């Protein structure tokens, strides 16, 4: 997959499988999978414009830092990945017919993680 070959909609590839190796390579080039239905092949996208988060430039407002100190909540990273994937897949989405987080995606991302 080459981002320069993307269609105007951003589609750059189609596949039936999603492997950790394929995810790693695709994300390295700004490409990501976006399945539509479990029974159909996965479309891979590389939109012409996208947002990028640079965590070294992340600004936390003082109010958030203050709230975090007073809160009984725990702020963690990478602690409950399988549970987060499952919760996102099962979230009710008004106005939508489902989720892009198919069983195949969950398996692929858990293996990738």
PDB file of N, CA and C in Angstrom:
ATOM      1  N   UNK A   1       0.840  -1.176   0.000  1.00  0.00           N
ATOM      2  CA  UNK A   1       0.000   0.000   0.000  1.00  0.00           C
ATOM      3  C   UNK A   1       0.884   1.239   0.000  1.00  0.00           C
ATOM      4  N   UNK A   2       0.572   2.138  -0.854  1.00  0.00           N
ATOM      5  CA  UNK A   2       1.327   3.383  -0.948  1.00  0.00           C
ATOM      6  C   UNK A   2       0.347   4.538  -0.838  1.00  0.00           C
ATOM      7  N   UNK A   3       0.523   5.428   0.145  1.00  0.00           N
ATOM      8  CA  UNK A   3      -0.407   6.551   0.317  1.00  0.00           C
ATOM      9  C   UNK A   3      -0.563   7.405  -0.933  1.00  0.00           C
ATOM     10  N   UNK A   4       0.453   7.449  -1.769  1.00  0.00           N
ATOM     11  CA  UNK A   4       0.375   8.254  -2.994  1.00  0.00           C
ATOM     12  C   UNK A   4      -0.609   7.674  -4.001  1.00  0.00           C
ATOM     13  N   UNK A   5      -0.993   6.410  -3.798  1.00  0.00           N
ATOM     14  CA  UNK A   5      -1.932   5.754  -4.704  1.00  0.00           C
ATOM     15  C   UNK A   5      -3.387   5.848  -4.230  1.00  0.00           C
ATOM     16  N   UNK A   6      -3.643   6.602  -3.183  1.00  0.00           N
ATOM     17  CA  UNK A   6      -4.996   6.681  -2.623  1.00  0.00           C
ATOM     18  C   UNK A   6      -5.981   7.298  -3.611  1.00  0.00           C
ATOM     19  N   UNK A   7      -7.197   6.755  -3.620  1.00  0.00           N
ATOM     20  CA  UNK A   7      -8.274   7.345  -4.405  1.00  0.00           C
ATOM     21  C   UNK A   7      -8.680   8.673  -3.765  1.00  0.00           C
ATOM     22  N   UNK A   8      -9.498   9.443  -4.433  1.00  0.00           N
ATOM     23  CA  UNK A   8      -9.895  10.754  -3.894  1.00  0.00           C
ATOM     24  C   UNK A   8     -10.592  10.621  -2.537  1.00  0.00           C
ATOM     25  N   UNK A   9     -11.252   9.485  -2.278  1.00  0.00           N
ATOM     26  CA  UNK A   9     -11.913   9.246  -0.993  1.00  0.00           C
ATOM     27  C   UNK A   9     -10.924   8.812   0.086  1.00  0.00           C
ATOM     28  N   UNK A  10      -9.667   8.574  -0.301  1.00  0.00           N
ATOM     29  CA  UNK A  10      -8.653   8.155   0.655  1.00  0.00           C
ATOM     30  C   UNK A  10      -8.389   6.664   0.681  1.00  0.00           C
ATOM     31  N   UNK A  11      -9.152   5.876  -0.089  1.00  0.00           N
ATOM     32  CA  UNK A  11      -8.952   4.421  -0.097  1.00  0.00           C
ATOM     33  C   UNK A  11      -7.642   4.103  -0.807  1.00  0.00           C
ATOM     34  N   UNK A  12      -6.823   3.292  -0.130  1.00  0.00           N
ATOM     35  CA  UNK A  12      -5.527   2.938  -0.703  1.00  0.00           C
ATOM     36  C   UNK A  12      -5.360   1.426  -0.854  1.00  0.00           C
ATOM     37  N   UNK A  13      -6.261   0.641  -0.253  1.00  0.00           N
ATOM     38  CA  UNK A  13      -6.142  -0.805  -0.376  1.00  0.00           C
ATOM     39  C   UNK A  13      -7.376  -1.528   0.144  1.00  0.00           C
ATOM     40  N   UNK A  14      -7.441  -2.818  -0.162  1.00  0.00           N
ATOM     41  CA  UNK A  14      -8.530  -3.686   0.271  1.00  0.00           C
ATOM     42  C   UNK A  14      -7.904  -5.014   0.669  1.00  0.00           C
ATOM     43  N   UNK A  15      -8.369  -5.581   1.792  1.00  0.00           N
ATOM     44  CA  UNK A  15      -7.848  -6.889   2.188  1.00  0.00           C
ATOM     45  C   UNK A  15      -8.893  -7.659   2.980  1.00  0.00           C
ATOM     46  N   UNK A  16      -8.714  -8.969   3.023  1.00  0.00           N
ATOM     47  CA  UNK A  16      -9.592  -9.816   3.829  1.00  0.00           C
ATOM     48  C   UNK A  16      -8.998 -10.057   5.202  1.00  0.00           C
ATOM     49  N   UNK A  17      -7.704  -9.871   5.327  1.00  0.00           N
ATOM     50  CA  UNK A  17      -7.088 -10.135   6.625  1.00  0.00           C
ATOM     51  C   UNK A  17      -6.470  -8.860   7.201  1.00  0.00           C
ATOM     52  N   UNK A  18      -6.387  -8.855   8.524  1.00  0.00           N
ATOM     53  CA  UNK A  18      -5.742  -7.761   9.241  1.00  0.00           C
ATOM     54  C   UNK A  18      -4.792  -8.415  10.235  1.00  0.00           C
ATOM     55  N   UNK A  19      -3.511  -8.260  10.019  1.00  0.00           N
ATOM     56  CA  UNK A  19      -2.513  -8.865  10.888  1.00  0.00           C
ATOM     57  C   UNK A  19      -1.742  -7.765  11.617  1.00  0.00           C
ATOM     58  N   UNK A  20      -1.097  -8.109  12.738  1.00  0.00           N
ATOM     59  CA  UNK A  20      -0.270  -7.111  13.430  1.00  0.00           C
ATOM     60  C   UNK A  20       0.809  -6.531  12.518  1.00  0.00           C
ATOM     61  N   UNK A  21       1.392  -7.376  11.669  1.00  0.00           N
ATOM     62  CA  UNK A  21       2.436  -6.901  10.758  1.00  0.00           C
ATOM     63  C   UNK A  21       1.880  -5.892   9.754  1.00  0.00           C
ATOM     64  N   UNK A  22       0.690  -6.193   9.238  1.00  0.00           N
ATOM     65  CA  UNK A  22       0.046  -5.294   8.283  1.00  0.00           C
ATOM     66  C   UNK A  22      -0.353  -3.982   8.965  1.00  0.00           C
ATOM     67  N   UNK A  23      -0.864  -4.063  10.183  1.00  0.00           N
ATOM     68  CA  UNK A  23      -1.205  -2.849  10.932  1.00  0.00           C
ATOM     69  C   UNK A  23       0.028  -1.987  11.162  1.00  0.00           C
ATOM     70  N   UNK A  24       1.129  -2.608  11.563  1.00  0.00           N
ATOM     71  CA  UNK A  24       2.360  -1.854  11.831  1.00  0.00           C
ATOM     72  C   UNK A  24       2.840  -1.131  10.576  1.00  0.00           C
ATOM     73  N   UNK A  25       2.891  -1.855   9.471  1.00  0.00           N
ATOM     74  CA  UNK A  25       3.362  -1.237   8.236  1.00  0.00           C
ATOM     75  C   UNK A  25       2.413  -0.134   7.770  1.00  0.00           C
ATOM     76  N   UNK A  26       1.120  -0.408   7.818  1.00  0.00           N
ATOM     77  CA  UNK A  26       0.141   0.579   7.359  1.00  0.00           C
ATOM     78  C   UNK A  26       0.218   1.851   8.201  1.00  0.00           C
ATOM     79  N   UNK A  27       0.191   1.713   9.523  1.00  0.00           N
ATOM     80  CA  UNK A  27       0.247   2.893  10.388  1.00  0.00           C
ATOM     81  C   UNK A  27       1.548   3.663  10.195  1.00  0.00           C
ATOM     82  N   UNK A  28       2.620   2.984   9.830  1.00  0.00           N
ATOM     83  CA  UNK A  28       3.899   3.658   9.566  1.00  0.00           C
ATOM     84  C   UNK A  28       3.798   4.641   8.410  1.00  0.00           C
ATOM     85  N   UNK A  29       2.817   4.415   7.528  1.00  0.00           N
ATOM     86  CA  UNK A  29       2.625   5.279   6.363  1.00  0.00           C
ATOM     87  C   UNK A  29       1.354   6.124   6.468  1.00  0.00           C
ATOM     88  N   UNK A  30       0.752   6.164   7.658  1.00  0.00           N
ATOM     89  CA  UNK A  30      -0.461   6.953   7.839  1.00  0.00           C
ATOM     90  C   UNK A  30      -1.700   6.304   7.275  1.00  0.00           C
ATOM     91  N   UNK A  31      -1.674   4.986   7.134  1.00  0.00           N
ATOM     92  CA  UNK A  31      -2.799   4.230   6.572  1.00  0.00           C
ATOM     93  C   UNK A  31      -3.477   3.469   7.708  1.00  0.00           C
ATOM     94  N   UNK A  32      -4.805   3.422   7.688  1.00  0.00           N
ATOM     95  CA  UNK A  32      -5.507   2.685   8.738  1.00  0.00           C
ATOM     96  C   UNK A  32      -6.682   1.914   8.144  1.00  0.00           C
ATOM     97  N   UNK A  33      -7.043   0.782   8.789  1.00  0.00           N
ATOM     98  CA  UNK A  33      -8.164  -0.021   8.294  1.00  0.00           C
ATOM     99  C   UNK A  33      -9.491   0.565   8.741  1.00  0.00           C
ATOM    100  N   UNK A  34     -10.512   0.403   7.895  1.00  0.00           N
ATOM    101  CA  UNK A  34     -11.851   0.857   8.240  1.00  0.00           C
ATOM    102  C   UNK A  34     -12.862  -0.130   7.666  1.00  0.00           C
ATOM    103  N   UNK A  35     -13.146  -1.204   8.414  1.00  0.00           N
ATOM    104  CA  UNK A  35     -14.107  -2.188   7.914  1.00  0.00           C
ATOM    105  C   UNK A  35     -15.519  -1.632   7.913  1.00  0.00           C
ATOM    106  N   UNK A  36     -16.339  -2.165   7.021  1.00  0.00           N
ATOM    107  CA  UNK A  36     -17.722  -1.713   6.932  1.00  0.00           C
ATOM    108  C   UNK A  36     -18.682  -2.772   7.446  1.00  0.00           C
ATOM    109  N   UNK A  37     -18.443  -4.013   7.096  1.00  0.00           N
ATOM    110  CA  UNK A  37     -19.241  -5.124   7.590  1.00  0.00           C
ATOM    111  C   UNK A  37     -18.325  -6.319   7.746  1.00  0.00           C
ATOM    112  N   UNK A  38     -18.644  -7.158   8.712  1.00  0.00           N
ATOM    113  CA  UNK A  38     -17.809  -8.329   9.006  1.00  0.00           C
ATOM    114  C   UNK A  38     -17.627  -9.214   7.777  1.00  0.00           C
ATOM    115  N   UNK A  39     -18.634  -9.297   6.924  1.00  0.00           N
ATOM    116  CA  UNK A  39     -18.586 -10.207   5.775  1.00  0.00           C
ATOM    117  C   UNK A  39     -17.868  -9.622   4.556  1.00  0.00           C
ATOM    118  N   UNK A  40     -17.536  -8.335   4.580  1.00  0.00           N
ATOM    119  CA  UNK A  40     -16.894  -7.690   3.433  1.00  0.00           C
ATOM    120  C   UNK A  40     -15.414  -7.457   3.702  1.00  0.00           C
ATOM    121  N   UNK A  41     -14.614  -7.330   2.643  1.00  0.00           N
ATOM    122  CA  UNK A  41     -13.196  -7.027   2.840  1.00  0.00           C
ATOM    123  C   UNK A  41     -13.022  -5.673   3.539  1.00  0.00           C
ATOM    124  N   UNK A  42     -11.904  -5.517   4.189  1.00  0.00           N
ATOM    125  CA  UNK A  42     -11.580  -4.277   4.891  1.00  0.00           C
ATOM    126  C   UNK A  42     -10.984  -3.274   3.917  1.00  0.00           C
ATOM    127  N   UNK A  43     -11.466  -2.035   3.990  1.00  0.00           N
ATOM    128  CA  UNK A  43     -10.882  -0.953   3.208  1.00  0.00           C
ATOM    129  C   UNK A  43      -9.799  -0.291   4.050  1.00  0.00           C
ATOM    130  N   UNK A  44      -8.705   0.080   3.401  1.00  0.00           N
ATOM    131  CA  UNK A  44      -7.601   0.761   4.074  1.00  0.00           C
ATOM    132  C   UNK A  44      -7.550   2.191   3.551  1.00  0.00           C
ATOM    133  N   UNK A  45      -7.496   3.142   4.474  1.00  0.00           N
ATOM    134  CA  UNK A  45      -7.597   4.559   4.129  1.00  0.00           C
ATOM    135  C   UNK A  45      -6.322   5.329   4.461  1.00  0.00           C
ATOM    136  N   UNK A  46      -6.090   6.339   3.656  1.00  0.00           N
ATOM    137  CA  UNK A  46      -5.042   7.322   3.918  1.00  0.00           C
ATOM    138  C   UNK A  46      -5.584   8.671   3.458  1.00  0.00           C
ATOM    139  N   UNK A  47      -6.305   9.356   4.357  1.00  0.00           N
ATOM    140  CA  UNK A  47      -6.893  10.630   3.951  1.00  0.00           C
ATOM    141  C   UNK A  47      -5.814  11.664   3.638  1.00  0.00           C
ATOM    142  N   UNK A  48      -6.117  12.583   2.727  1.00  0.00           N
ATOM    143  CA  UNK A  48      -5.110  13.581   2.354  1.00  0.00           C
ATOM    144  C   UNK A  48      -4.738  14.513   3.502  1.00  0.00           C
ATOM    145  N   UNK A  49      -5.673  14.762   4.420  1.00  0.00           N
ATOM    146  CA  UNK A  49      -5.392  15.609   5.581  1.00  0.00           C
ATOM    147  C   UNK A  49      -5.758  14.839   6.841  1.00  0.00           C
ATOM    148  N   UNK A  50      -4.954  15.001   7.864  1.00  0.00           N
ATOM    149  CA  UNK A  50      -5.243  14.339   9.123  1.00  0.00           C
ATOM    150  C   UNK A  50      -4.597  15.088  10.267  1.00  0.00           C
ATOM    151  N   UNK A  51      -5.156  14.912  11.442  1.00  0.00           N
ATOM    152  CA  UNK A  51      -4.600  15.530  12.633  1.00  0.00           C
ATOM    153  C   UNK A  51      -3.481  14.677  13.206  1.00  0.00           C
ATOM    154  N   UNK A  52      -2.525  15.314  13.794  1.00  0.00           N
ATOM    155  CA  UNK A  52      -1.418  14.606  14.430  1.00  0.00           C
ATOM    156  C   UNK A  52      -1.256  15.161  15.837  1.00  0.00           C
ATOM    157  N   UNK A  53      -1.238  14.275  16.823  1.00  0.00           N
ATOM    158  CA  UNK A  53      -0.999  14.684  18.202  1.00  0.00           C
ATOM    159  C   UNK A  53       0.488  14.537  18.504  1.00  0.00           C
ATOM    160  N   UNK A  54       1.103  15.614  18.900  1.00  0.00           N
ATOM    161  CA  UNK A  54       2.517  15.591  19.296  1.00  0.00           C
ATOM    162  C   UNK A  54       2.524  15.713  20.817  1.00  0.00           C
ATOM    163  N   UNK A  55       2.704  14.587  21.491  1.00  0.00           N
ATOM    164  CA  UNK A  55       2.561  14.574  22.937  1.00  0.00           C
ATOM    165  C   UNK A  55       3.613  15.421  23.653  1.00  0.00           C
ATOM    166  N   UNK A  56       4.759  15.617  23.042  1.00  0.00           N
ATOM    167  CA  UNK A  56       5.771  16.484  23.671  1.00  0.00           C
ATOM    168  C   UNK A  56       5.299  17.932  23.697  1.00  0.00           C
ATOM    169  N   UNK A  57       4.330  18.284  22.842  1.00  0.00           N
ATOM    170  CA  UNK A  57       3.776  19.640  22.810  1.00  0.00           C
ATOM    171  C   UNK A  57       2.433  19.739  23.530  1.00  0.00           C
ATOM    172  N   UNK A  58       2.001  18.659  24.162  1.00  0.00           N
ATOM    173  CA  UNK A  58       0.695  18.643  24.811  1.00  0.00           C
ATOM    174  C   UNK A  58       0.659  19.612  25.986  1.00  0.00           C
ATOM    175  N   UNK A  59      -0.359  20.434  26.005  1.00  0.00           N
ATOM    176  CA  UNK A  59      -0.537  21.392  27.099  1.00  0.00           C
ATOM    177  C   UNK A  59      -1.701  20.934  27.969  1.00  0.00           C
ATOM    178  N   UNK A  60      -1.439  20.751  29.244  1.00  0.00           N
ATOM    179  CA  UNK A  60      -2.500  20.432  30.188  1.00  0.00           C
ATOM    180  C   UNK A  60      -2.871  21.708  30.928  1.00  0.00           C
ATOM    181  N   UNK A  61      -4.116  22.148  30.832  1.00  0.00           N
ATOM    182  CA  UNK A  61      -4.531  23.356  31.550  1.00  0.00           C
ATOM    183  C   UNK A  61      -4.353  23.186  33.060  1.00  0.00           C
ATOM    184  N   UNK A  62      -4.073  24.282  33.744  1.00  0.00           N
ATOM    185  CA  UNK A  62      -3.891  24.229  35.198  1.00  0.00           C
ATOM    186  C   UNK A  62      -5.106  23.645  35.893  1.00  0.00           C
ATOM    187  N   UNK A  63      -6.300  23.984  35.370  1.00  0.00           N
ATOM    188  CA  UNK A  63      -7.527  23.478  35.999  1.00  0.00           C
ATOM    189  C   UNK A  63      -7.587  21.946  35.941  1.00  0.00           C
ATOM    190  N   UNK A  64      -7.118  21.355  34.859  1.00  0.00           N
ATOM    191  CA  UNK A  64      -7.108  19.896  34.753  1.00  0.00           C
ATOM    192  C   UNK A  64      -6.084  19.295  35.700  1.00  0.00           C
ATOM    193  N   UNK A  65      -4.927  19.895  35.795  1.00  0.00           N
ATOM    194  CA  UNK A  65      -3.890  19.410  36.717  1.00  0.00           C
ATOM    195  C   UNK A  65      -4.406  19.485  38.153  1.00  0.00           C
ATOM    196  N   UNK A  66      -5.045  20.584  38.493  1.00  0.00           N
ATOM    197  CA  UNK A  66      -5.607  20.782  39.830  1.00  0.00           C
ATOM    198  C   UNK A  66      -6.697  19.744  40.102  1.00  0.00           C
ATOM    199  N   UNK A  67      -7.592  19.547  39.139  1.00  0.00           N
ATOM    200  CA  UNK A  67      -8.660  18.566  39.286  1.00  0.00           C
ATOM    201  C   UNK A  67      -8.082  17.164  39.481  1.00  0.00           C
ATOM    202  N   UNK A  68      -7.068  16.851  38.704  1.00  0.00           N
ATOM    203  CA  UNK A  68      -6.450  15.522  38.795  1.00  0.00           C
ATOM    204  C   UNK A  68      -5.889  15.277  40.190  1.00  0.00           C
ATOM    205  N   UNK A  69      -5.274  16.287  40.786  1.00  0.00           N
ATOM    206  CA  UNK A  69      -4.708  16.136  42.139  1.00  0.00           C
ATOM    207  C   UNK A  69      -5.794  15.872  43.179  1.00  0.00           C
ATOM    208  N   UNK A  70      -6.933  16.529  43.025  1.00  0.00           N
ATOM    209  CA  UNK A  70      -8.015  16.410  43.999  1.00  0.00           C
ATOM    210  C   UNK A  70      -8.910  15.193  43.752  1.00  0.00           C
ATOM    211  N   UNK A  71      -8.881  14.652  42.561  1.00  0.00           N
ATOM    212  CA  UNK A  71      -9.780  13.583  42.165  1.00  0.00           C
ATOM    213  C   UNK A  71      -9.384  12.248  42.781  1.00  0.00           C
ATOM    214  N   UNK A  72     -10.381  11.407  42.969  1.00  0.00           N
ATOM    215  CA  UNK A  72     -10.112  10.041  43.421  1.00  0.00           C
ATOM    216  C   UNK A  72      -9.900   9.112  42.235  1.00  0.00           C
ATOM    217  N   UNK A  73     -10.015   9.657  41.040  1.00  0.00           N
ATOM    218  CA  UNK A  73      -9.817   8.852  39.834  1.00  0.00           C
ATOM    219  C   UNK A  73      -8.335   8.568  39.635  1.00  0.00           C
ATOM    220  N   UNK A  74      -8.066   7.454  38.974  1.00  0.00           N
ATOM    221  CA  UNK A  74      -6.699   7.118  38.567  1.00  0.00           C
ATOM    222  C   UNK A  74      -6.558   7.402  37.082  1.00  0.00           C
ATOM    223  N   UNK A  75      -5.498   8.062  36.707  1.00  0.00           N
ATOM    224  CA  UNK A  75      -5.199   8.313  35.299  1.00  0.00           C
ATOM    225  C   UNK A  75      -4.105   7.335  34.902  1.00  0.00           C
ATOM    226  N   UNK A  76      -4.410   6.455  33.952  1.00  0.00           N
ATOM    227  CA  UNK A  76      -3.445   5.439  33.542  1.00  0.00           C
ATOM    228  C   UNK A  76      -3.381   5.362  32.018  1.00  0.00           C
ATOM    229  N   UNK A  77      -2.358   4.722  31.526  1.00  0.00           N
ATOM    230  CA  UNK A  77      -2.196   4.452  30.099  1.00  0.00           C
ATOM    231  C   UNK A  77      -1.957   2.961  29.920  1.00  0.00           C
ATOM    232  N   UNK A  78      -2.565   2.388  28.892  1.00  0.00           N
ATOM    233  CA  UNK A  78      -2.313   0.996  28.516  1.00  0.00           C
ATOM    234  C   UNK A  78      -2.558  -0.008  29.638  1.00  0.00           C
ATOM    235  N   UNK A  79      -3.580   0.210  30.436  1.00  0.00           N
ATOM    236  CA  UNK A  79      -3.839  -0.708  31.539  1.00  0.00           C
ATOM    237  C   UNK A  79      -4.961  -1.707  31.250  1.00  0.00           C
ATOM    238  N   UNK A  80      -5.951  -1.321  30.449  1.00  0.00           N
ATOM    239  CA  UNK A  80      -7.132  -2.151  30.251  1.00  0.00           C
ATOM    240  C   UNK A  80      -7.532  -2.210  28.776  1.00  0.00           C
ATOM    241  N   UNK A  81      -6.550  -2.413  27.918  1.00  0.00           N
ATOM    242  CA  UNK A  81      -6.795  -2.356  26.479  1.00  0.00           C
ATOM    243  C   UNK A  81      -7.922  -3.284  26.014  1.00  0.00           C
ATOM    244  N   UNK A  82      -7.945  -4.558  26.397  1.00  0.00           N
ATOM    245  CA  UNK A  82      -9.036  -5.436  25.935  1.00  0.00           C
ATOM    246  C   UNK A  82     -10.416  -4.943  26.376  1.00  0.00           C
ATOM    247  N   UNK A  83     -10.504  -4.468  27.623  1.00  0.00           N
ATOM    248  CA  UNK A  83     -11.793  -3.989  28.124  1.00  0.00           C
ATOM    249  C   UNK A  83     -12.239  -2.717  27.393  1.00  0.00           C
ATOM    250  N   UNK A  84     -11.296  -1.850  27.073  1.00  0.00           N
ATOM    251  CA  UNK A  84     -11.637  -0.619  26.347  1.00  0.00           C
ATOM    252  C   UNK A  84     -12.129  -0.963  24.940  1.00  0.00           C
ATOM    253  N   UNK A  85     -11.442  -1.878  24.269  1.00  0.00           N
ATOM    254  CA  UNK A  85     -11.882  -2.296  22.930  1.00  0.00           C
ATOM    255  C   UNK A  85     -13.304  -2.860  22.981  1.00  0.00           C
ATOM    256  N   UNK A  86     -13.579  -3.721  23.950  1.00  0.00           N
ATOM    257  CA  UNK A  86     -14.902  -4.334  24.067  1.00  0.00           C
ATOM    258  C   UNK A  86     -15.962  -3.276  24.368  1.00  0.00           C
ATOM    259  N   UNK A  87     -15.661  -2.349  25.272  1.00  0.00           N
ATOM    260  CA  UNK A  87     -16.630  -1.303  25.617  1.00  0.00           C
ATOM    261  C   UNK A  87     -16.918  -0.405  24.416  1.00  0.00           C
ATOM    262  N   UNK A  88     -15.894  -0.066  23.665  1.00  0.00           N
ATOM    263  CA  UNK A  88     -16.099   0.767  22.475  1.00  0.00           C
ATOM    264  C   UNK A  88     -16.918   0.021  21.421  1.00  0.00           C
ATOM    265  N   UNK A  89     -16.662  -1.260  21.260  1.00  0.00           N
ATOM    266  CA  UNK A  89     -17.401  -2.051  20.278  1.00  0.00           C
ATOM    267  C   UNK A  89     -18.875  -2.164  20.645  1.00  0.00           C
ATOM    268  N   UNK A  90     -19.177  -2.170  21.946  1.00  0.00           N
ATOM    269  CA  UNK A  90     -20.554  -2.359  22.405  1.00  0.00           C
ATOM    270  C   UNK A  90     -21.293  -1.051  22.696  1.00  0.00           C
ATOM    271  N   UNK A  91     -20.634   0.075  22.503  1.00  0.00           N
ATOM    272  CA  UNK A  91     -21.264   1.373  22.782  1.00  0.00           C
ATOM    273  C   UNK A  91     -22.445   1.604  21.846  1.00  0.00           C
ATOM    274  N   UNK A  92     -23.500   2.136  22.392  1.00  0.00           N
ATOM    275  CA  UNK A  92     -24.684   2.470  21.590  1.00  0.00           C
ATOM    276  C   UNK A  92     -24.386   3.751  20.839  1.00  0.00           C
ATOM    277  N   UNK A  93     -24.623   3.705  19.530  1.00  0.00           N
ATOM    278  CA  UNK A  93     -24.353   4.848  18.670  1.00  0.00           C
ATOM    279  C   UNK A  93     -25.638   5.285  17.980  1.00  0.00           C
ATOM    280  N   UNK A  94     -26.338   6.248  18.567  1.00  0.00           N
ATOM    281  CA  UNK A  94     -27.556   6.729  17.900  1.00  0.00           C
ATOM    282  C   UNK A  94     -27.215   7.228  16.492  1.00  0.00           C
ATOM    283  N   UNK A  95     -28.112   7.007  15.578  1.00  0.00           N
ATOM    284  CA  UNK A  95     -27.919   7.449  14.193  1.00  0.00           C
ATOM    285  C   UNK A  95     -26.957   6.553  13.406  1.00  0.00           C
ATOM    286  N   UNK A  96     -26.422   5.512  14.035  1.00  0.00           N
ATOM    287  CA  UNK A  96     -25.497   4.620  13.329  1.00  0.00           C
ATOM    288  C   UNK A  96     -25.995   3.190  13.414  1.00  0.00           C
ATOM    289  N   UNK A  97     -25.591   2.388  12.432  1.00  0.00           N
ATOM    290  CA  UNK A  97     -26.054   1.002  12.369  1.00  0.00           C
ATOM    291  C   UNK A  97     -25.096   0.011  13.011  1.00  0.00           C
ATOM    292  N   UNK A  98     -24.026   0.468  13.583  1.00  0.00           N
ATOM    293  CA  UNK A  98     -23.083  -0.461  14.179  1.00  0.00           C
ATOM    294  C   UNK A  98     -21.776   0.223  14.495  1.00  0.00           C
ATOM    295  N   UNK A  99     -20.715  -0.524  14.379  1.00  0.00           N
ATOM    296  CA  UNK A  99     -19.395  -0.031  14.726  1.00  0.00           C
ATOM    297  C   UNK A  99     -18.365  -0.567  13.749  1.00  0.00           C
ATOM    298  N   UNK A 100     -17.266   0.153  13.624  1.00  0.00           N
ATOM    299  CA  UNK A 100     -16.156  -0.340  12.810  1.00  0.00           C
ATOM    300  C   UNK A 100     -15.336  -1.359  13.588  1.00  0.00           C
ATOM    301  N   UNK A 101     -15.609  -1.501  14.888  1.00  0.00           N
ATOM    302  CA  UNK A 101     -14.828  -2.408  15.737  1.00  0.00           C
ATOM    303  C   UNK A 101     -15.444  -3.800  15.651  1.00  0.00           C
ATOM    304  N   UNK A 102     -15.135  -4.483  14.580  1.00  0.00           N
ATOM    305  CA  UNK A 102     -15.651  -5.831  14.342  1.00  0.00           C
ATOM    306  C   UNK A 102     -14.839  -6.833  15.160  1.00  0.00           C
ATOM    307  N   UNK A 103     -15.315  -8.068  15.225  1.00  0.00           N
ATOM    308  CA  UNK A 103     -14.564  -9.120  15.929  1.00  0.00           C
ATOM    309  C   UNK A 103     -13.168  -9.281  15.326  1.00  0.00           C
ATOM    310  N   UNK A 104     -13.079  -9.191  13.998  1.00  0.00           N
ATOM    311  CA  UNK A 104     -11.779  -9.301  13.332  1.00  0.00           C
ATOM    312  C   UNK A 104     -10.851  -8.168  13.773  1.00  0.00           C
ATOM    313  N   UNK A 105     -11.392  -6.952  13.882  1.00  0.00           N
ATOM    314  CA  UNK A 105     -10.585  -5.809  14.317  1.00  0.00           C
ATOM    315  C   UNK A 105     -10.111  -5.998  15.753  1.00  0.00           C
ATOM    316  N   UNK A 106     -11.002  -6.470  16.619  1.00  0.00           N
ATOM    317  CA  UNK A 106     -10.618  -6.684  18.018  1.00  0.00           C
ATOM    318  C   UNK A 106      -9.475  -7.691  18.097  1.00  0.00           C
ATOM    319  N   UNK A 107      -9.605  -8.809  17.389  1.00  0.00           N
ATOM    320  CA  UNK A 107      -8.525  -9.814  17.409  1.00  0.00           C
ATOM    321  C   UNK A 107      -7.215  -9.227  16.899  1.00  0.00           C
ATOM    322  N   UNK A 108      -7.299  -8.491  15.792  1.00  0.00           N
ATOM    323  CA  UNK A 108      -6.077  -7.922  15.186  1.00  0.00           C
ATOM    324  C   UNK A 108      -5.411  -6.912  16.121  1.00  0.00           C
ATOM    325  N   UNK A 109      -6.204  -6.018  16.700  1.00  0.00           N
ATOM    326  CA  UNK A 109      -5.625  -4.986  17.569  1.00  0.00           C
ATOM    327  C   UNK A 109      -5.129  -5.567  18.891  1.00  0.00           C
ATOM    328  N   UNK A 110      -5.799  -6.593  19.414  1.00  0.00           N
ATOM    329  CA  UNK A 110      -5.284  -7.237  20.630  1.00  0.00           C
ATOM    330  C   UNK A 110      -3.946  -7.909  20.354  1.00  0.00           C
ATOM    331  N   UNK A 111      -3.824  -8.560  19.205  1.00  0.00           N
ATOM    332  CA  UNK A 111      -2.536  -9.167  18.828  1.00  0.00           C
ATOM    333  C   UNK A 111      -1.483  -8.095  18.574  1.00  0.00           C
ATOM    334  N   UNK A 112      -1.874  -7.007  17.953  1.00  0.00           N
ATOM    335  CA  UNK A 112      -0.962  -5.896  17.679  1.00  0.00           C
ATOM    336  C   UNK A 112      -0.492  -5.255  18.978  1.00  0.00           C
ATOM    337  N   UNK A 113      -1.424  -5.089  19.921  1.00  0.00           N
ATOM    338  CA  UNK A 113      -1.113  -4.459  21.208  1.00  0.00           C
ATOM    339  C   UNK A 113      -0.094  -5.298  21.973  1.00  0.00           C
TER     340      UNK A 113
END
